[in-house]
Amino acid sequence: MITILSILQVLLTVAQWIIIIQAILSWLISFNVINTHNDTVRAIWTALDRITEPFYRPIRRILPDFGALDLSPLVVLLIIWCLQIAIGRLALWWVGAGAL
């Protein structure tokens, strides 16, 4: 069980970094530091968008429209952090219960 929880922690950490990288990339694209005319940038942006869109879509339906400001990555990060805390506590409980 601890192995499964550890794998979940790693997957959540990877998802967290993907969201952070996508947010930074979107800022760089918005401020014209990099542009999507470059094939590599466009490929990375498309891949990150396809990975994260299933997480953002349900949250975007719930959140009100703030115009150009998209808060769905922040909400997803908060959910991931809450899940990581819950998994950590579950792992501690599991280890404590197994020691008895």
N, C-alpha and C. Protein backbone atom coordinates (compact mmCIF):
# COMPACT_ATOMS: atom_id res chain seq x y z
N MET A 1 0.82 -1.20 0.00
CA MET A 1 0.00 0.00 0.00
C MET A 1 0.86 1.26 0.00
N ILE A 2 1.96 1.23 0.75
CA ILE A 2 2.86 2.38 0.79
C ILE A 2 3.44 2.65 -0.59
N THR A 3 3.72 1.60 -1.34
CA THR A 3 4.25 1.76 -2.69
C THR A 3 3.26 2.47 -3.59
N ILE A 4 2.01 2.10 -3.50
CA ILE A 4 0.96 2.75 -4.32
C ILE A 4 0.84 4.21 -3.94
N LEU A 5 0.87 4.50 -2.64
CA LEU A 5 0.79 5.89 -2.20
C LEU A 5 2.00 6.70 -2.65
N SER A 6 3.17 6.07 -2.65
CA SER A 6 4.38 6.74 -3.13
C SER A 6 4.29 7.04 -4.62
N ILE A 7 3.76 6.11 -5.39
CA ILE A 7 3.58 6.32 -6.82
C ILE A 7 2.60 7.46 -7.07
N LEU A 8 1.51 7.49 -6.29
CA LEU A 8 0.55 8.59 -6.41
C LEU A 8 1.19 9.94 -6.09
N GLN A 9 2.04 9.96 -5.06
CA GLN A 9 2.75 11.20 -4.71
C GLN A 9 3.64 11.67 -5.87
N VAL A 10 4.34 10.74 -6.48
CA VAL A 10 5.22 11.10 -7.61
C VAL A 10 4.40 11.61 -8.79
N LEU A 11 3.29 10.94 -9.09
CA LEU A 11 2.44 11.38 -10.19
C LEU A 11 1.85 12.77 -9.94
N LEU A 12 1.46 13.03 -8.70
CA LEU A 12 0.94 14.36 -8.36
C LEU A 12 2.03 15.42 -8.46
N THR A 13 3.25 15.07 -8.08
CA THR A 13 4.36 16.01 -8.20
C THR A 13 4.67 16.32 -9.66
N VAL A 14 4.63 15.30 -10.50
CA VAL A 14 4.85 15.51 -11.94
C VAL A 14 3.75 16.40 -12.51
N ALA A 15 2.50 16.14 -12.14
CA ALA A 15 1.39 16.97 -12.61
C ALA A 15 1.55 18.41 -12.14
N GLN A 16 2.01 18.58 -10.92
CA GLN A 16 2.24 19.92 -10.37
C GLN A 16 3.28 20.66 -11.20
N TRP A 17 4.37 20.00 -11.54
CA TRP A 17 5.42 20.65 -12.34
C TRP A 17 4.95 20.94 -13.76
N ILE A 18 4.16 20.07 -14.32
CA ILE A 18 3.62 20.32 -15.66
C ILE A 18 2.76 21.57 -15.66
N ILE A 19 1.94 21.74 -14.64
CA ILE A 19 1.07 22.92 -14.55
C ILE A 19 1.91 24.18 -14.36
N ILE A 20 2.93 24.12 -13.52
CA ILE A 20 3.80 25.28 -13.31
C ILE A 20 4.54 25.65 -14.59
N ILE A 21 5.06 24.66 -15.29
CA ILE A 21 5.77 24.92 -16.55
C ILE A 21 4.83 25.52 -17.58
N GLN A 22 3.60 25.00 -17.65
CA GLN A 22 2.64 25.55 -18.60
C GLN A 22 2.29 27.00 -18.26
N ALA A 23 2.14 27.31 -16.99
CA ALA A 23 1.83 28.68 -16.58
C ALA A 23 2.96 29.63 -16.96
N ILE A 24 4.19 29.23 -16.70
CA ILE A 24 5.34 30.07 -17.06
C ILE A 24 5.43 30.23 -18.57
N LEU A 25 5.22 29.15 -19.30
CA LEU A 25 5.25 29.22 -20.76
C LEU A 25 4.15 30.14 -21.29
N SER A 26 2.97 30.10 -20.68
CA SER A 26 1.89 30.97 -21.14
C SER A 26 2.22 32.43 -20.89
N TRP A 27 2.90 32.73 -19.77
CA TRP A 27 3.31 34.11 -19.51
C TRP A 27 4.36 34.55 -20.54
N LEU A 28 5.30 33.67 -20.85
CA LEU A 28 6.33 34.02 -21.82
C LEU A 28 5.72 34.25 -23.21
N ILE A 29 4.72 33.48 -23.55
CA ILE A 29 4.03 33.67 -24.84
C ILE A 29 3.22 34.96 -24.80
N SER A 30 2.54 35.24 -23.70
CA SER A 30 1.70 36.44 -23.59
C SER A 30 2.53 37.72 -23.69
N PHE A 31 3.72 37.71 -23.12
CA PHE A 31 4.58 38.90 -23.14
C PHE A 31 5.55 38.91 -24.32
N ASN A 32 5.32 38.03 -25.29
CA ASN A 32 6.12 37.95 -26.52
C ASN A 32 7.61 37.74 -26.26
N VAL A 33 7.94 37.05 -25.19
CA VAL A 33 9.32 36.67 -24.96
C VAL A 33 9.67 35.52 -25.90
N ILE A 34 8.74 34.59 -26.03
CA ILE A 34 8.85 33.54 -27.04
C ILE A 34 7.55 33.54 -27.82
N ASN A 35 7.58 33.04 -29.03
CA ASN A 35 6.35 33.01 -29.82
C ASN A 35 6.08 31.61 -30.34
N THR A 36 4.84 31.40 -30.72
CA THR A 36 4.42 30.07 -31.16
C THR A 36 4.70 29.84 -32.64
N HIS A 37 5.39 30.76 -33.30
CA HIS A 37 5.80 30.52 -34.69
C HIS A 37 6.96 29.52 -34.75
N ASN A 38 7.67 29.38 -33.64
CA ASN A 38 8.73 28.39 -33.54
C ASN A 38 8.08 27.01 -33.38
N ASP A 39 8.50 26.06 -34.20
CA ASP A 39 7.88 24.73 -34.17
C ASP A 39 8.06 24.02 -32.83
N THR A 40 9.23 24.17 -32.22
CA THR A 40 9.48 23.51 -30.94
C THR A 40 8.58 24.09 -29.85
N VAL A 41 8.47 25.41 -29.80
CA VAL A 41 7.62 26.05 -28.80
C VAL A 41 6.17 25.64 -29.01
N ARG A 42 5.73 25.63 -30.26
CA ARG A 42 4.35 25.25 -30.56
C ARG A 42 4.08 23.79 -30.17
N ALA A 43 5.04 22.91 -30.41
CA ALA A 43 4.86 21.50 -30.06
C ALA A 43 4.79 21.32 -28.54
N ILE A 44 5.66 22.01 -27.82
CA ILE A 44 5.64 21.92 -26.35
C ILE A 44 4.34 22.49 -25.81
N TRP A 45 3.92 23.64 -26.34
CA TRP A 45 2.69 24.29 -25.89
C TRP A 45 1.47 23.39 -26.15
N THR A 46 1.42 22.79 -27.33
CA THR A 46 0.30 21.91 -27.68
C THR A 46 0.27 20.68 -26.77
N ALA A 47 1.44 20.09 -26.52
CA ALA A 47 1.51 18.91 -25.65
C ALA A 47 1.07 19.25 -24.23
N LEU A 48 1.56 20.35 -23.70
CA LEU A 48 1.17 20.74 -22.35
C LEU A 48 -0.32 21.06 -22.27
N ASP A 49 -0.85 21.68 -23.31
CA ASP A 49 -2.28 22.01 -23.34
C ASP A 49 -3.13 20.74 -23.37
N ARG A 50 -2.72 19.76 -24.14
CA ARG A 50 -3.47 18.50 -24.22
C ARG A 50 -3.39 17.71 -22.90
N ILE A 51 -2.28 17.85 -22.20
CA ILE A 51 -2.14 17.15 -20.92
C ILE A 51 -3.00 17.81 -19.84
N THR A 52 -3.00 19.13 -19.80
CA THR A 52 -3.66 19.82 -18.69
C THR A 52 -5.12 20.16 -18.93
N GLU A 53 -5.56 20.23 -20.15
CA GLU A 53 -6.95 20.62 -20.43
C GLU A 53 -7.99 19.74 -19.75
N PRO A 54 -7.82 18.41 -19.68
CA PRO A 54 -8.82 17.61 -18.96
C PRO A 54 -8.95 17.97 -17.47
N PHE A 55 -7.89 18.49 -16.87
CA PHE A 55 -7.96 18.92 -15.48
C PHE A 55 -8.63 20.28 -15.35
N TYR A 56 -8.37 21.16 -16.31
CA TYR A 56 -8.90 22.52 -16.25
C TYR A 56 -10.37 22.61 -16.63
N ARG A 57 -10.81 21.80 -17.57
CA ARG A 57 -12.16 21.93 -18.14
C ARG A 57 -13.27 21.91 -17.08
N PRO A 58 -13.30 20.94 -16.15
CA PRO A 58 -14.39 20.96 -15.16
C PRO A 58 -14.33 22.18 -14.24
N ILE A 59 -13.14 22.64 -13.96
CA ILE A 59 -13.00 23.80 -13.07
C ILE A 59 -13.41 25.07 -13.79
N ARG A 60 -13.10 25.16 -15.08
CA ARG A 60 -13.51 26.35 -15.85
C ARG A 60 -15.03 26.44 -15.96
N ARG A 61 -15.71 25.30 -15.93
CA ARG A 61 -17.18 25.33 -15.96
C ARG A 61 -17.75 25.90 -14.67
N ILE A 62 -17.05 25.68 -13.56
CA ILE A 62 -17.54 26.13 -12.26
C ILE A 62 -17.16 27.59 -11.99
N LEU A 63 -15.92 27.96 -12.31
CA LEU A 63 -15.44 29.31 -12.02
C LEU A 63 -16.13 30.34 -12.90
N PRO A 64 -16.36 31.54 -12.37
CA PRO A 64 -16.90 32.61 -13.22
C PRO A 64 -15.84 33.08 -14.21
N ASP A 65 -16.27 33.74 -15.26
CA ASP A 65 -15.37 34.23 -16.29
C ASP A 65 -14.69 35.51 -15.80
N PHE A 66 -13.37 35.49 -15.73
CA PHE A 66 -12.61 36.65 -15.31
C PHE A 66 -11.93 37.33 -16.49
N GLY A 67 -12.38 37.08 -17.70
CA GLY A 67 -11.77 37.66 -18.88
C GLY A 67 -10.48 36.93 -19.22
N ALA A 68 -9.39 37.69 -19.29
CA ALA A 68 -8.10 37.12 -19.67
C ALA A 68 -7.43 36.36 -18.52
N LEU A 69 -7.94 36.55 -17.30
CA LEU A 69 -7.34 35.90 -16.14
C LEU A 69 -7.94 34.50 -15.97
N ASP A 70 -7.07 33.49 -16.02
CA ASP A 70 -7.50 32.10 -15.87
C ASP A 70 -6.99 31.57 -14.54
N LEU A 71 -7.90 31.32 -13.62
CA LEU A 71 -7.52 30.84 -12.29
C LEU A 71 -7.57 29.33 -12.16
N SER A 72 -7.95 28.63 -13.22
CA SER A 72 -8.06 27.18 -13.13
C SER A 72 -6.73 26.48 -12.80
N PRO A 73 -5.57 26.92 -13.32
CA PRO A 73 -4.33 26.26 -12.88
C PRO A 73 -4.08 26.40 -11.39
N LEU A 74 -4.41 27.55 -10.84
CA LEU A 74 -4.24 27.75 -9.40
C LEU A 74 -5.14 26.83 -8.60
N VAL A 75 -6.37 26.67 -9.05
CA VAL A 75 -7.31 25.78 -8.36
C VAL A 75 -6.82 24.34 -8.45
N VAL A 76 -6.35 23.93 -9.62
CA VAL A 76 -5.84 22.56 -9.77
C VAL A 76 -4.62 22.34 -8.88
N LEU A 77 -3.73 23.33 -8.79
CA LEU A 77 -2.57 23.21 -7.91
C LEU A 77 -3.00 23.08 -6.45
N LEU A 78 -4.00 23.83 -6.04
CA LEU A 78 -4.50 23.72 -4.67
C LEU A 78 -5.08 22.33 -4.41
N ILE A 79 -5.80 21.80 -5.38
CA ILE A 79 -6.35 20.45 -5.23
C ILE A 79 -5.23 19.42 -5.14
N ILE A 80 -4.20 19.59 -5.98
CA ILE A 80 -3.07 18.66 -5.94
C ILE A 80 -2.38 18.72 -4.59
N TRP A 81 -2.17 19.92 -4.07
CA TRP A 81 -1.50 20.04 -2.77
C TRP A 81 -2.34 19.42 -1.66
N CYS A 82 -3.65 19.60 -1.71
CA CYS A 82 -4.52 18.96 -0.72
C CYS A 82 -4.45 17.44 -0.83
N LEU A 83 -4.43 16.92 -2.05
CA LEU A 83 -4.32 15.48 -2.23
C LEU A 83 -2.98 14.95 -1.72
N GLN A 84 -1.90 15.71 -1.94
CA GLN A 84 -0.60 15.28 -1.45
C GLN A 84 -0.58 15.23 0.08
N ILE A 85 -1.20 16.20 0.71
CA ILE A 85 -1.26 16.19 2.17
C ILE A 85 -2.08 14.99 2.65
N ALA A 86 -3.21 14.75 2.01
CA ALA A 86 -4.06 13.62 2.40
C ALA A 86 -3.34 12.29 2.20
N ILE A 87 -2.63 12.15 1.09
CA ILE A 87 -1.89 10.91 0.84
C ILE A 87 -0.77 10.73 1.85
N GLY A 88 -0.09 11.83 2.19
CA GLY A 88 0.97 11.76 3.20
C GLY A 88 0.43 11.32 4.55
N ARG A 89 -0.71 11.88 4.94
CA ARG A 89 -1.32 11.49 6.22
C ARG A 89 -1.81 10.05 6.18
N LEU A 90 -2.35 9.64 5.04
CA LEU A 90 -2.79 8.25 4.90
C LEU A 90 -1.60 7.30 5.01
N ALA A 91 -0.48 7.67 4.41
CA ALA A 91 0.72 6.84 4.50
C ALA A 91 1.21 6.75 5.94
N LEU A 92 1.19 7.88 6.65
CA LEU A 92 1.61 7.85 8.05
C LEU A 92 0.67 7.00 8.89
N TRP A 93 -0.62 7.11 8.62
CA TRP A 93 -1.59 6.29 9.34
C TRP A 93 -1.36 4.82 9.04
N TRP A 94 -1.10 4.51 7.76
CA TRP A 94 -0.91 3.12 7.35
C TRP A 94 0.33 2.54 8.03
N VAL A 95 1.41 3.32 8.08
CA VAL A 95 2.63 2.84 8.73
C VAL A 95 2.39 2.68 10.22
N GLY A 96 1.67 3.64 10.83
CA GLY A 96 1.38 3.54 12.27
C GLY A 96 0.48 2.37 12.59
N ALA A 97 -0.51 2.10 11.74
CA ALA A 97 -1.42 0.98 11.97
C ALA A 97 -0.71 -0.35 11.75
N GLY A 98 0.24 -0.36 10.83
CA GLY A 98 0.97 -1.60 10.57
C GLY A 98 1.96 -1.92 11.67
N ALA A 99 2.38 -0.90 12.42
CA ALA A 99 3.36 -1.11 13.50
C ALA A 99 2.72 -1.74 14.73
N LEU A 100 1.39 -1.61 14.84
CA LEU A 100 0.70 -2.15 16.03
C LEU A 100 0.59 -3.62 16.01
